[in-house]
């Protein structure tokens, strides 16, 4: 049996990067302050000392250049892992992401693949300003050619990051910084992968299927335990990858319960919850017993500190939404 270590989520990021750098000389970590400084959240701390400046590369503050350079490196056979300090700073690199990173395989008719993993801390809850706290994952899920991964546990983080770096195609790897240091989990010391595109059942239940991912997984599980005391038994599915979605697992959970809620911190309109609702309407309509509840952030710019706790779905707000789905009678 493999030895384990008790890691936080951000430590699992660092451990995953360390393992892939050690295993494959083509892996290169790059980004602003990722080298000597160890990254704004210390996700790359110590990597520069072991692997040097040729493989842990400090870059200028130029997101378009960071992504563009990674695209070129990946096209030539390397496996770059660029970091953007906060996902809200990805917009200057957005043209590189959607015009080149996402399209290279299709544009070259399969002659080139882009094995690159673009990492970024994302989401709110740490009292940072608006562009430091946004949840724009739907932007990237909408773009064909990109895989979009959002882990919620240290174990999954290390395994999904390794799977992303080894993937032949580009991956957007969004790290929920609210839970970077929120809890620890036993993580194998040896390298392993968690498959991209497979959801995980975090709690089994028969009454309401609840779909979530990232930092919202923990308050959703907390709400599910509270509701269980009222006799409402929730199944909680952690999507882990939002593109491609695990449609089979989503439909299966809904068909067994007939009721559903979707929880995410991104704005409601045109978010992942809307897409999941559309999937269920199309593929499992005859099983539906109640309207599907969407428990999300609001359709406003991300608020400043005083309203942040109100903006993010809390366990209490999640409970209320699930309760509506459970108690609906036609």
C-alpha atoms as a PDB file:
ATOM      1  CA  UNK A   1       0.000   0.000   0.000  1.00  0.00           C
ATOM      2  CA  UNK A   2       1.277   3.460  -0.891  1.00  0.00           C
ATOM      3  CA  UNK A   3       2.464   5.819   1.853  1.00  0.00           C
ATOM      4  CA  UNK A   4       0.305   8.908   2.258  1.00  0.00           C
ATOM      5  CA  UNK A   5       0.754  12.484   3.376  1.00  0.00           C
ATOM      6  CA  UNK A   6      -1.798  14.780   4.994  1.00  0.00           C
ATOM      7  CA  UNK A   7      -2.156  17.681   2.543  1.00  0.00           C
ATOM      8  CA  UNK A   8      -4.238  20.784   2.003  1.00  0.00           C
ATOM      9  CA  UNK A   9      -5.570  21.412  -1.488  1.00  0.00           C
ATOM     10  CA  UNK A  10      -2.829  23.912  -2.374  1.00  0.00           C
ATOM     11  CA  UNK A  11      -0.192  21.512  -1.090  1.00  0.00           C
ATOM     12  CA  UNK A  12      -1.734  18.850  -3.349  1.00  0.00           C
ATOM     13  CA  UNK A  13      -1.296  21.232  -6.298  1.00  0.00           C
ATOM     14  CA  UNK A  14       2.376  21.628  -5.457  1.00  0.00           C
ATOM     15  CA  UNK A  15       2.824  17.891  -4.917  1.00  0.00           C
ATOM     16  CA  UNK A  16       1.147  17.152  -8.245  1.00  0.00           C
ATOM     17  CA  UNK A  17       3.357  19.642 -10.091  1.00  0.00           C
ATOM     18  CA  UNK A  18       6.451  18.263  -8.389  1.00  0.00           C
ATOM     19  CA  UNK A  19       5.610  14.713  -9.455  1.00  0.00           C
ATOM     20  CA  UNK A  20       4.991  15.636 -13.090  1.00  0.00           C
ATOM     21  CA  UNK A  21       8.142  17.798 -13.299  1.00  0.00           C
ATOM     22  CA  UNK A  22      10.153  14.905 -11.926  1.00  0.00           C
ATOM     23  CA  UNK A  23       8.557  12.329 -14.241  1.00  0.00           C
ATOM     24  CA  UNK A  24       8.688  14.215 -17.548  1.00  0.00           C
ATOM     25  CA  UNK A  25      11.434  16.593 -18.690  1.00  0.00           C
ATOM     26  CA  UNK A  26       8.995  18.200 -21.151  1.00  0.00           C
ATOM     27  CA  UNK A  27       6.854  19.602 -18.306  1.00  0.00           C
ATOM     28  CA  UNK A  28       7.533  23.304 -17.685  1.00  0.00           C
ATOM     29  CA  UNK A  29       5.829  25.490 -15.049  1.00  0.00           C
ATOM     30  CA  UNK A  30       5.600  29.160 -15.991  1.00  0.00           C
ATOM     31  CA  UNK A  31       3.913  32.337 -14.793  1.00  0.00           C
ATOM     32  CA  UNK A  32       4.289  35.523 -12.832  1.00  0.00           C
ATOM     33  CA  UNK A  33       6.224  34.918  -9.577  1.00  0.00           C
ATOM     34  CA  UNK A  34       5.998  31.109  -9.827  1.00  0.00           C
ATOM     35  CA  UNK A  35       9.800  30.722  -9.578  1.00  0.00           C
ATOM     36  CA  UNK A  36      11.847  32.223  -6.766  1.00  0.00           C
ATOM     37  CA  UNK A  37       8.753  33.631  -5.055  1.00  0.00           C
ATOM     38  CA  UNK A  38       6.793  30.364  -5.159  1.00  0.00           C
ATOM     39  CA  UNK A  39       3.568  31.866  -6.506  1.00  0.00           C
ATOM     40  CA  UNK A  40       1.026  34.223  -4.995  1.00  0.00           C
ATOM     41  CA  UNK A  41      -0.574  31.330  -3.046  1.00  0.00           C
ATOM     42  CA  UNK A  42       2.718  29.387  -2.708  1.00  0.00           C
ATOM     43  CA  UNK A  43       1.439  26.658  -5.024  1.00  0.00           C
ATOM     44  CA  UNK A  44       4.860  26.421  -6.688  1.00  0.00           C
ATOM     45  CA  UNK A  45       7.024  26.980  -3.624  1.00  0.00           C
ATOM     46  CA  UNK A  46      10.294  25.037  -3.735  1.00  0.00           C
ATOM     47  CA  UNK A  47       9.978  23.920  -7.361  1.00  0.00           C
ATOM     48  CA  UNK A  48      12.451  26.528  -8.645  1.00  0.00           C
ATOM     49  CA  UNK A  49      15.106  25.379  -6.166  1.00  0.00           C
ATOM     50  CA  UNK A  50      14.841  21.764  -7.327  1.00  0.00           C
ATOM     51  CA  UNK A  51      14.203  22.122 -11.048  1.00  0.00           C
ATOM     52  CA  UNK A  52      15.816  25.494 -11.881  1.00  0.00           C
ATOM     53  CA  UNK A  53      14.816  28.510 -13.902  1.00  0.00           C
ATOM     54  CA  UNK A  54      14.629  26.653 -17.214  1.00  0.00           C
ATOM     55  CA  UNK A  55      11.693  24.520 -16.017  1.00  0.00           C
ATOM     56  CA  UNK A  56      10.067  26.811 -13.428  1.00  0.00           C
ATOM     57  CA  UNK A  57      10.002  30.036 -15.370  1.00  0.00           C
ATOM     58  CA  UNK A  58       9.223  33.500 -14.016  1.00  0.00           C
ATOM     59  CA  UNK A  59       7.425  35.552 -16.670  1.00  0.00           C
ATOM     60  CA  UNK A  60       6.512  39.229 -17.050  1.00  0.00           C
ATOM     61  CA  UNK A  61       3.059  40.414 -15.981  1.00  0.00           C
ATOM     62  CA  UNK A  62       1.613  39.702 -19.442  1.00  0.00           C
ATOM     63  CA  UNK A  63      -1.160  37.092 -19.495  1.00  0.00           C
ATOM     64  CA  UNK A  64      -1.514  37.082 -23.287  1.00  0.00           C
ATOM     65  CA  UNK A  65       2.224  36.388 -23.616  1.00  0.00           C
ATOM     66  CA  UNK A  66       2.106  33.674 -20.925  1.00  0.00           C
ATOM     67  CA  UNK A  67      -0.694  31.779 -22.697  1.00  0.00           C
ATOM     68  CA  UNK A  68       0.672  32.467 -26.179  1.00  0.00           C
ATOM     69  CA  UNK A  69       4.138  31.192 -25.305  1.00  0.00           C
ATOM     70  CA  UNK A  70       2.606  28.065 -23.775  1.00  0.00           C
ATOM     71  CA  UNK A  71       0.599  27.451 -26.960  1.00  0.00           C
ATOM     72  CA  UNK A  72       3.786  27.572 -29.035  1.00  0.00           C
ATOM     73  CA  UNK A  73       5.703  25.356 -26.614  1.00  0.00           C
ATOM     74  CA  UNK A  74       2.915  22.775 -26.555  1.00  0.00           C
ATOM     75  CA  UNK A  75       2.673  22.768 -30.349  1.00  0.00           C
ATOM     76  CA  UNK A  76       6.362  21.880 -30.445  1.00  0.00           C
ATOM     77  CA  UNK A  77       5.895  18.911 -28.095  1.00  0.00           C
ATOM     78  CA  UNK A  78       6.475  20.309 -24.615  1.00  0.00           C
ATOM     79  CA  UNK A  79       3.933  20.146 -21.771  1.00  0.00           C
ATOM     80  CA  UNK A  80       3.756  23.691 -20.355  1.00  0.00           C
ATOM     81  CA  UNK A  81       1.740  24.412 -17.211  1.00  0.00           C
ATOM     82  CA  UNK A  82       1.168  28.186 -17.203  1.00  0.00           C
ATOM     83  CA  UNK A  83      -0.272  29.813 -14.073  1.00  0.00           C
ATOM     84  CA  UNK A  84      -2.422  32.940 -14.057  1.00  0.00           C
ATOM     85  CA  UNK A  85      -2.366  34.507 -10.590  1.00  0.00           C
ATOM     86  CA  UNK A  86      -6.173  34.878 -10.400  1.00  0.00           C
ATOM     87  CA  UNK A  87      -8.726  33.611 -12.930  1.00  0.00           C
ATOM     88  CA  UNK A  88     -10.092  37.164 -13.190  1.00  0.00           C
ATOM     89  CA  UNK A  89      -6.809  38.121 -14.871  1.00  0.00           C
ATOM     90  CA  UNK A  90      -7.249  35.598 -17.684  1.00  0.00           C
ATOM     91  CA  UNK A  91      -9.100  38.085 -19.900  1.00  0.00           C
ATOM     92  CA  UNK A  92      -5.946  39.635 -21.443  1.00  0.00           C
ATOM     93  CA  UNK A  93      -5.049  36.080 -22.479  1.00  0.00           C
ATOM     94  CA  UNK A  94      -8.588  35.230 -23.567  1.00  0.00           C
ATOM     95  CA  UNK A  95      -7.869  35.684 -27.281  1.00  0.00           C
ATOM     96  CA  UNK A  96      -4.965  33.259 -27.047  1.00  0.00           C
ATOM     97  CA  UNK A  97      -7.211  30.803 -25.157  1.00  0.00           C
ATOM     98  CA  UNK A  98     -10.211  30.808 -27.508  1.00  0.00           C
ATOM     99  CA  UNK A  99      -8.518  31.623 -30.817  1.00  0.00           C
ATOM    100  CA  UNK A 100      -5.484  29.360 -30.503  1.00  0.00           C
ATOM    101  CA  UNK A 101      -5.372  27.138 -27.402  1.00  0.00           C
ATOM    102  CA  UNK A 102      -8.852  25.701 -28.017  1.00  0.00           C
ATOM    103  CA  UNK A 103      -8.586  25.364 -31.799  1.00  0.00           C
ATOM    104  CA  UNK A 104      -5.134  24.115 -32.677  1.00  0.00           C
ATOM    105  CA  UNK A 105      -6.123  20.460 -33.078  1.00  0.00           C
ATOM    106  CA  UNK A 106      -9.154  21.274 -35.257  1.00  0.00           C
ATOM    107  CA  UNK A 107      -7.332  23.955 -37.252  1.00  0.00           C
ATOM    108  CA  UNK A 108      -4.430  21.634 -38.069  1.00  0.00           C
ATOM    109  CA  UNK A 109      -6.786  18.674 -38.726  1.00  0.00           C
ATOM    110  CA  UNK A 110      -5.129  16.716 -35.956  1.00  0.00           C
ATOM    111  CA  UNK A 111      -1.513  17.361 -37.014  1.00  0.00           C
ATOM    112  CA  UNK A 112      -0.903  19.263 -33.783  1.00  0.00           C
ATOM    113  CA  UNK A 113      -2.242  18.730 -30.295  1.00  0.00           C
ATOM    114  CA  UNK A 114      -1.678  21.105 -27.402  1.00  0.00           C
ATOM    115  CA  UNK A 115      -0.759  19.232 -24.207  1.00  0.00           C
ATOM    116  CA  UNK A 116      -0.915  22.276 -21.928  1.00  0.00           C
ATOM    117  CA  UNK A 117      -2.662  22.892 -18.602  1.00  0.00           C
ATOM    118  CA  UNK A 118      -3.610  26.471 -17.761  1.00  0.00           C
ATOM    119  CA  UNK A 119      -3.927  26.767 -13.969  1.00  0.00           C
ATOM    120  CA  UNK A 120      -5.636  29.579 -12.063  1.00  0.00           C
ATOM    121  CA  UNK A 121      -7.034  30.134  -8.556  1.00  0.00           C
ATOM    122  CA  UNK A 122     -10.705  31.041  -8.934  1.00  0.00           C
ATOM    123  CA  UNK A 123     -13.855  31.874  -6.998  1.00  0.00           C
ATOM    124  CA  UNK A 124     -14.667  34.035  -3.998  1.00  0.00           C
ATOM    125  CA  UNK A 125     -14.787  33.910  -0.234  1.00  0.00           C
ATOM    126  CA  UNK A 126     -11.343  35.227   0.735  1.00  0.00           C
ATOM    127  CA  UNK A 127     -12.215  38.929   0.934  1.00  0.00           C
ATOM    128  CA  UNK A 128     -10.381  39.839  -2.282  1.00  0.00           C
ATOM    129  CA  UNK A 129     -11.681  42.422  -4.803  1.00  0.00           C
ATOM    130  CA  UNK A 130     -13.894  41.652  -7.784  1.00  0.00           C
ATOM    131  CA  UNK A 131     -11.393  40.493 -10.430  1.00  0.00           C
ATOM    132  CA  UNK A 132      -9.756  38.312  -7.771  1.00  0.00           C
ATOM    133  CA  UNK A 133     -12.990  36.506  -6.887  1.00  0.00           C
ATOM    134  CA  UNK A 134     -14.975  35.814 -10.035  1.00  0.00           C
ATOM    135  CA  UNK A 135     -16.306  32.447 -11.195  1.00  0.00           C
ATOM    136  CA  UNK A 136     -16.295  32.575 -14.981  1.00  0.00           C
ATOM    137  CA  UNK A 137     -15.885  28.869 -15.636  1.00  0.00           C
ATOM    138  CA  UNK A 138     -18.863  28.933 -18.018  1.00  0.00           C
ATOM    139  CA  UNK A 139     -16.756  31.080 -20.393  1.00  0.00           C
ATOM    140  CA  UNK A 140     -14.357  28.186 -20.876  1.00  0.00           C
ATOM    141  CA  UNK A 141     -16.916  25.368 -20.745  1.00  0.00           C
ATOM    142  CA  UNK A 142     -18.609  27.088 -23.673  1.00  0.00           C
ATOM    143  CA  UNK A 143     -15.456  26.849 -25.789  1.00  0.00           C
ATOM    144  CA  UNK A 144     -15.159  23.625 -27.796  1.00  0.00           C
ATOM    145  CA  UNK A 145     -11.673  22.187 -27.658  1.00  0.00           C
ATOM    146  CA  UNK A 146     -11.074  22.918 -23.987  1.00  0.00           C
ATOM    147  CA  UNK A 147     -11.478  20.605 -21.029  1.00  0.00           C
ATOM    148  CA  UNK A 148     -12.385  22.408 -17.788  1.00  0.00           C
ATOM    149  CA  UNK A 149     -11.532  20.811 -14.450  1.00  0.00           C
ATOM    150  CA  UNK A 150     -12.526  22.058 -10.960  1.00  0.00           C
ATOM    151  CA  UNK A 151     -11.378  19.866  -8.036  1.00  0.00           C
ATOM    152  CA  UNK A 152     -12.875  19.977  -4.547  1.00  0.00           C
ATOM    153  CA  UNK A 153     -10.532  17.767  -2.494  1.00  0.00           C
ATOM    154  CA  UNK A 154      -6.746  17.427  -2.113  1.00  0.00           C
ATOM    155  CA  UNK A 155      -6.829  13.809  -3.373  1.00  0.00           C
ATOM    156  CA  UNK A 156      -8.711  14.765  -6.513  1.00  0.00           C
ATOM    157  CA  UNK A 157      -6.537  17.838  -7.031  1.00  0.00           C
ATOM    158  CA  UNK A 158      -3.314  15.858  -7.280  1.00  0.00           C
ATOM    159  CA  UNK A 159      -4.870  13.134  -9.442  1.00  0.00           C
ATOM    160  CA  UNK A 160      -6.785  15.452 -11.754  1.00  0.00           C
ATOM    161  CA  UNK A 161      -3.778  17.755 -12.175  1.00  0.00           C
ATOM    162  CA  UNK A 162      -1.588  14.806 -13.207  1.00  0.00           C
ATOM    163  CA  UNK A 163      -4.286  13.628 -15.627  1.00  0.00           C
ATOM    164  CA  UNK A 164      -4.545  17.150 -17.064  1.00  0.00           C
ATOM    165  CA  UNK A 165      -0.796  17.547 -17.593  1.00  0.00           C
ATOM    166  CA  UNK A 166      -0.616  14.128 -19.290  1.00  0.00           C
ATOM    167  CA  UNK A 167      -3.648  14.852 -21.481  1.00  0.00           C
ATOM    168  CA  UNK A 168      -2.846  15.409 -25.167  1.00  0.00           C
ATOM    169  CA  UNK A 169      -5.269  18.351 -25.349  1.00  0.00           C
ATOM    170  CA  UNK A 170      -5.538  21.673 -23.492  1.00  0.00           C
ATOM    171  CA  UNK A 171      -7.069  21.807 -20.026  1.00  0.00           C
ATOM    172  CA  UNK A 172      -8.263  24.786 -17.969  1.00  0.00           C
ATOM    173  CA  UNK A 173      -7.554  23.800 -14.347  1.00  0.00           C
ATOM    174  CA  UNK A 174      -9.480  26.041 -11.938  1.00  0.00           C
ATOM    175  CA  UNK A 175      -8.451  25.803  -8.288  1.00  0.00           C
ATOM    176  CA  UNK A 176     -11.045  26.954  -5.715  1.00  0.00           C
ATOM    177  CA  UNK A 177      -8.888  29.171  -3.549  1.00  0.00           C
ATOM    178  CA  UNK A 178     -11.535  29.416  -0.808  1.00  0.00           C
ATOM    179  CA  UNK A 179     -10.603  25.851   0.154  1.00  0.00           C
ATOM    180  CA  UNK A 180      -6.868  26.037  -0.631  1.00  0.00           C
ATOM    181  CA  UNK A 181      -6.154  25.657   3.087  1.00  0.00           C
ATOM    182  CA  UNK A 182      -9.599  24.844   4.493  1.00  0.00           C
ATOM    183  CA  UNK A 183      -8.959  21.186   5.366  1.00  0.00           C
ATOM    184  CA  UNK A 184      -6.523  18.334   4.914  1.00  0.00           C
ATOM    185  CA  UNK A 185      -6.807  14.876   3.410  1.00  0.00           C
ATOM    186  CA  UNK A 186      -4.617  11.817   3.096  1.00  0.00           C
ATOM    187  CA  UNK A 187      -2.997  11.860  -0.355  1.00  0.00           C
ATOM    188  CA  UNK A 188      -0.735   9.112  -1.756  1.00  0.00           C
ATOM    189  CA  UNK A 189       2.912  10.109  -2.044  1.00  0.00           C
ATOM    190  CA  UNK A 190       3.257   8.281  -5.352  1.00  0.00           C
ATOM    191  CA  UNK A 191       1.887   9.647  -8.605  1.00  0.00           C
ATOM    192  CA  UNK A 192      -1.633   8.690  -9.701  1.00  0.00           C
ATOM    193  CA  UNK A 193      -4.371  10.082 -11.906  1.00  0.00           C
ATOM    194  CA  UNK A 194      -8.092  10.772 -11.461  1.00  0.00           C
ATOM    195  CA  UNK A 195      -9.936  10.515 -14.800  1.00  0.00           C
ATOM    196  CA  UNK A 196     -11.094  13.761 -16.392  1.00  0.00           C
ATOM    197  CA  UNK A 197     -14.820  13.778 -17.154  1.00  0.00           C
ATOM    198  CA  UNK A 198     -15.996  11.522 -14.324  1.00  0.00           C
ATOM    199  CA  UNK A 199     -18.158  12.847 -11.487  1.00  0.00           C
ATOM    200  CA  UNK A 200     -17.900  11.518  -7.912  1.00  0.00           C
ATOM    201  CA  UNK A 201     -20.795  10.642  -5.625  1.00  0.00           C
ATOM    202  CA  UNK A 202     -20.002  12.358  -2.304  1.00  0.00           C
ATOM    203  CA  UNK A 203     -23.226  11.306  -0.607  1.00  0.00           C
ATOM    204  CA  UNK A 204     -25.840   8.745  -1.593  1.00  0.00           C
ATOM    205  CA  UNK A 205     -29.546   9.559  -1.221  1.00  0.00           C
ATOM    206  CA  UNK A 206     -32.987   8.818  -2.632  1.00  0.00           C
ATOM    207  CA  UNK A 207     -34.984  12.069  -2.469  1.00  0.00           C
ATOM    208  CA  UNK A 208     -33.118  14.871  -4.300  1.00  0.00           C
ATOM    209  CA  UNK A 209     -30.055  14.774  -6.596  1.00  0.00           C
ATOM    210  CA  UNK A 210     -27.797  17.763  -5.936  1.00  0.00           C
ATOM    211  CA  UNK A 211     -25.080  18.625  -8.461  1.00  0.00           C
ATOM    212  CA  UNK A 212     -22.164  20.839  -7.501  1.00  0.00           C
ATOM    213  CA  UNK A 213     -18.388  21.273  -7.811  1.00  0.00           C
ATOM    214  CA  UNK A 214     -15.390  23.118  -6.384  1.00  0.00           C
ATOM    215  CA  UNK A 215     -15.733  25.124  -3.193  1.00  0.00           C
ATOM    216  CA  UNK A 216     -19.509  24.667  -3.113  1.00  0.00           C
ATOM    217  CA  UNK A 217     -19.177  20.926  -2.491  1.00  0.00           C
ATOM    218  CA  UNK A 218     -18.533  21.355   1.233  1.00  0.00           C
ATOM    219  CA  UNK A 219     -21.512  23.629   2.091  1.00  0.00           C
ATOM    220  CA  UNK A 220     -23.691  21.394  -0.095  1.00  0.00           C
ATOM    221  CA  UNK A 221     -22.685  18.335   1.924  1.00  0.00           C
ATOM    222  CA  UNK A 222     -23.282  20.304   5.126  1.00  0.00           C
ATOM    223  CA  UNK A 223     -26.768  21.218   3.910  1.00  0.00           C
ATOM    224  CA  UNK A 224     -27.452  17.606   2.937  1.00  0.00           C
ATOM    225  CA  UNK A 225     -26.607  16.388   6.441  1.00  0.00           C
ATOM    226  CA  UNK A 226     -28.892  18.997   8.015  1.00  0.00           C
ATOM    227  CA  UNK A 227     -31.748  18.063   5.682  1.00  0.00           C
ATOM    228  CA  UNK A 228     -31.246  14.379   6.453  1.00  0.00           C
ATOM    229  CA  UNK A 229     -32.339  15.167  10.013  1.00  0.00           C
ATOM    230  CA  UNK A 230     -35.635  16.402   8.515  1.00  0.00           C
ATOM    231  CA  UNK A 231     -36.049  13.212   6.517  1.00  0.00           C
ATOM    232  CA  UNK A 232     -34.862  14.657   3.168  1.00  0.00           C
ATOM    233  CA  UNK A 233     -32.225  12.291   1.811  1.00  0.00           C
ATOM    234  CA  UNK A 234     -29.952  13.988  -0.748  1.00  0.00           C
ATOM    235  CA  UNK A 235     -27.591  12.466  -3.249  1.00  0.00           C
ATOM    236  CA  UNK A 236     -24.639  14.843  -3.763  1.00  0.00           C
ATOM    237  CA  UNK A 237     -22.707  14.535  -7.006  1.00  0.00           C
ATOM    238  CA  UNK A 238     -19.378  16.412  -7.273  1.00  0.00           C
ATOM    239  CA  UNK A 239     -18.952  17.028 -11.003  1.00  0.00           C
ATOM    240  CA  UNK A 240     -15.139  17.538 -10.792  1.00  0.00           C
ATOM    241  CA  UNK A 241     -15.058  18.273 -14.543  1.00  0.00           C
ATOM    242  CA  UNK A 242     -17.509  20.756 -16.028  1.00  0.00           C
ATOM    243  CA  UNK A 243     -16.404  20.189 -19.622  1.00  0.00           C
ATOM    244  CA  UNK A 244     -16.990  17.496 -20.616  1.00  0.00           C
ATOM    245  CA  UNK A 245     -19.823  16.931 -18.151  1.00  0.00           C
ATOM    246  CA  UNK A 246     -20.466  13.416 -16.874  1.00  0.00           C
ATOM    247  CA  UNK A 247     -23.929  13.374 -18.450  1.00  0.00           C
ATOM    248  CA  UNK A 248     -24.518   9.706 -17.681  1.00  0.00           C
ATOM    249  CA  UNK A 249     -23.944  10.157 -13.940  1.00  0.00           C
ATOM    250  CA  UNK A 250     -26.095  13.312 -13.874  1.00  0.00           C
ATOM    251  CA  UNK A 251     -29.033  11.661 -15.652  1.00  0.00           C
ATOM    252  CA  UNK A 252     -28.714   8.459 -13.614  1.00  0.00           C
ATOM    253  CA  UNK A 253     -28.882  10.351 -10.290  1.00  0.00           C
ATOM    254  CA  UNK A 254     -31.894  12.331 -11.477  1.00  0.00           C
ATOM    255  CA  UNK A 255     -33.769   9.280 -12.719  1.00  0.00           C
ATOM    256  CA  UNK A 256     -33.405   7.654  -9.290  1.00  0.00           C
ATOM    257  CA  UNK A 257     -34.648  10.694  -7.367  1.00  0.00           C
ATOM    258  CA  UNK A 258     -36.945  12.604  -9.754  1.00  0.00           C
ATOM    259  CA  UNK A 259     -35.921  15.892  -8.123  1.00  0.00           C
ATOM    260  CA  UNK A 260     -32.784  17.970  -8.492  1.00  0.00           C
ATOM    261  CA  UNK A 261     -30.893  21.094  -7.437  1.00  0.00           C
ATOM    262  CA  UNK A 262     -27.684  22.560  -8.878  1.00  0.00           C
ATOM    263  CA  UNK A 263     -25.305  24.585  -6.712  1.00  0.00           C
ATOM    264  CA  UNK A 264     -22.528  26.863  -7.961  1.00  0.00           C
ATOM    265  CA  UNK A 265     -21.128  30.251  -7.014  1.00  0.00           C
ATOM    266  CA  UNK A 266     -21.073  31.622 -10.557  1.00  0.00           C
ATOM    267  CA  UNK A 267     -23.942  33.884 -11.725  1.00  0.00           C
ATOM    268  CA  UNK A 268     -27.213  32.128 -12.525  1.00  0.00           C
ATOM    269  CA  UNK A 269     -27.923  33.262 -16.092  1.00  0.00           C
ATOM    270  CA  UNK A 270     -26.401  30.925 -18.704  1.00  0.00           C
ATOM    271  CA  UNK A 271     -24.369  29.191 -16.000  1.00  0.00           C
ATOM    272  CA  UNK A 272     -23.635  25.478 -15.608  1.00  0.00           C
ATOM    273  CA  UNK A 273     -26.885  25.004 -13.706  1.00  0.00           C
ATOM    274  CA  UNK A 274     -28.830  26.092 -16.794  1.00  0.00           C
ATOM    275  CA  UNK A 275     -26.945  23.582 -18.941  1.00  0.00           C
ATOM    276  CA  UNK A 276     -27.526  20.743 -16.480  1.00  0.00           C
ATOM    277  CA  UNK A 277     -31.212  21.643 -16.275  1.00  0.00           C
ATOM    278  CA  UNK A 278     -31.449  21.513 -20.071  1.00  0.00           C
ATOM    279  CA  UNK A 279     -29.766  18.087 -20.147  1.00  0.00           C
ATOM    280  CA  UNK A 280     -32.253  16.716 -17.631  1.00  0.00           C
ATOM    281  CA  UNK A 281     -35.221  18.252 -19.433  1.00  0.00           C
ATOM    282  CA  UNK A 282     -34.121  16.608 -22.671  1.00  0.00           C
ATOM    283  CA  UNK A 283     -32.924  13.224 -21.447  1.00  0.00           C
ATOM    284  CA  UNK A 284     -34.997  12.489 -18.340  1.00  0.00           C
ATOM    285  CA  UNK A 285     -38.153  14.608 -18.581  1.00  0.00           C
ATOM    286  CA  UNK A 286     -40.502  11.738 -17.797  1.00  0.00           C
ATOM    287  CA  UNK A 287     -38.762  11.172 -14.438  1.00  0.00           C
ATOM    288  CA  UNK A 288     -39.183  14.799 -13.315  1.00  0.00           C
ATOM    289  CA  UNK A 289     -41.365  15.364 -10.230  1.00  0.00           C
ATOM    290  CA  UNK A 290     -40.503  18.991  -9.405  1.00  0.00           C
ATOM    291  CA  UNK A 291     -38.889  22.109 -10.949  1.00  0.00           C
ATOM    292  CA  UNK A 292     -35.096  21.930 -10.876  1.00  0.00           C
ATOM    293  CA  UNK A 293     -33.704  24.429  -8.372  1.00  0.00           C
ATOM    294  CA  UNK A 294     -30.684  26.602  -9.229  1.00  0.00           C
ATOM    295  CA  UNK A 295     -28.803  27.834  -6.141  1.00  0.00           C
ATOM    296  CA  UNK A 296     -26.124  30.157  -7.437  1.00  0.00           C
ATOM    297  CA  UNK A 297     -24.411  33.507  -7.221  1.00  0.00           C
ATOM    298  CA  UNK A 298     -26.283  36.529  -8.554  1.00  0.00           C
ATOM    299  CA  UNK A 299     -26.272  38.253 -11.944  1.00  0.00           C
ATOM    300  CA  UNK A 300     -24.211  41.189 -10.702  1.00  0.00           C
ATOM    301  CA  UNK A 301     -20.528  42.116 -10.673  1.00  0.00           C
ATOM    302  CA  UNK A 302     -18.795  40.287  -7.845  1.00  0.00           C
ATOM    303  CA  UNK A 303     -19.470  42.397  -4.720  1.00  0.00           C
ATOM    304  CA  UNK A 304     -17.061  43.925  -2.264  1.00  0.00           C
ATOM    305  CA  UNK A 305     -16.442  42.508   1.180  1.00  0.00           C
ATOM    306  CA  UNK A 306     -19.624  43.483   3.015  1.00  0.00           C
ATOM    307  CA  UNK A 307     -21.876  41.570   0.616  1.00  0.00           C
ATOM    308  CA  UNK A 308     -19.586  38.655  -0.219  1.00  0.00           C
ATOM    309  CA  UNK A 309     -21.125  36.236   2.264  1.00  0.00           C
ATOM    310  CA  UNK A 310     -24.574  37.098   0.926  1.00  0.00           C
ATOM    311  CA  UNK A 311     -23.458  36.543  -2.681  1.00  0.00           C
ATOM    312  CA  UNK A 312     -21.999  33.074  -2.189  1.00  0.00           C
ATOM    313  CA  UNK A 313     -24.469  30.199  -1.657  1.00  0.00           C
ATOM    314  CA  UNK A 314     -24.295  29.325   2.041  1.00  0.00           C
ATOM    315  CA  UNK A 315     -25.314  26.012   3.568  1.00  0.00           C
ATOM    316  CA  UNK A 316     -28.507  27.727   4.761  1.00  0.00           C
ATOM    317  CA  UNK A 317     -29.385  29.026   1.276  1.00  0.00           C
ATOM    318  CA  UNK A 318     -28.575  25.633  -0.220  1.00  0.00           C
ATOM    319  CA  UNK A 319     -30.866  23.966   2.330  1.00  0.00           C
ATOM    320  CA  UNK A 320     -33.713  26.291   1.377  1.00  0.00           C
ATOM    321  CA  UNK A 321     -33.317  25.535  -2.335  1.00  0.00           C
ATOM    322  CA  UNK A 322     -33.136  21.793  -1.866  1.00  0.00           C
ATOM    323  CA  UNK A 323     -36.117  21.900   0.485  1.00  0.00           C
ATOM    324  CA  UNK A 324     -38.185  23.586  -2.239  1.00  0.00           C
ATOM    325  CA  UNK A 325     -37.302  20.810  -4.679  1.00  0.00           C
ATOM    326  CA  UNK A 326     -38.100  18.125  -2.104  1.00  0.00           C
ATOM    327  CA  UNK A 327     -41.426  19.556  -0.952  1.00  0.00           C
ATOM    328  CA  UNK A 328     -42.875  20.582  -4.321  1.00  0.00           C
ATOM    329  CA  UNK A 329     -46.235  19.014  -5.081  1.00  0.00           C
ATOM    330  CA  UNK A 330     -47.833  19.387  -8.527  1.00  0.00           C
END
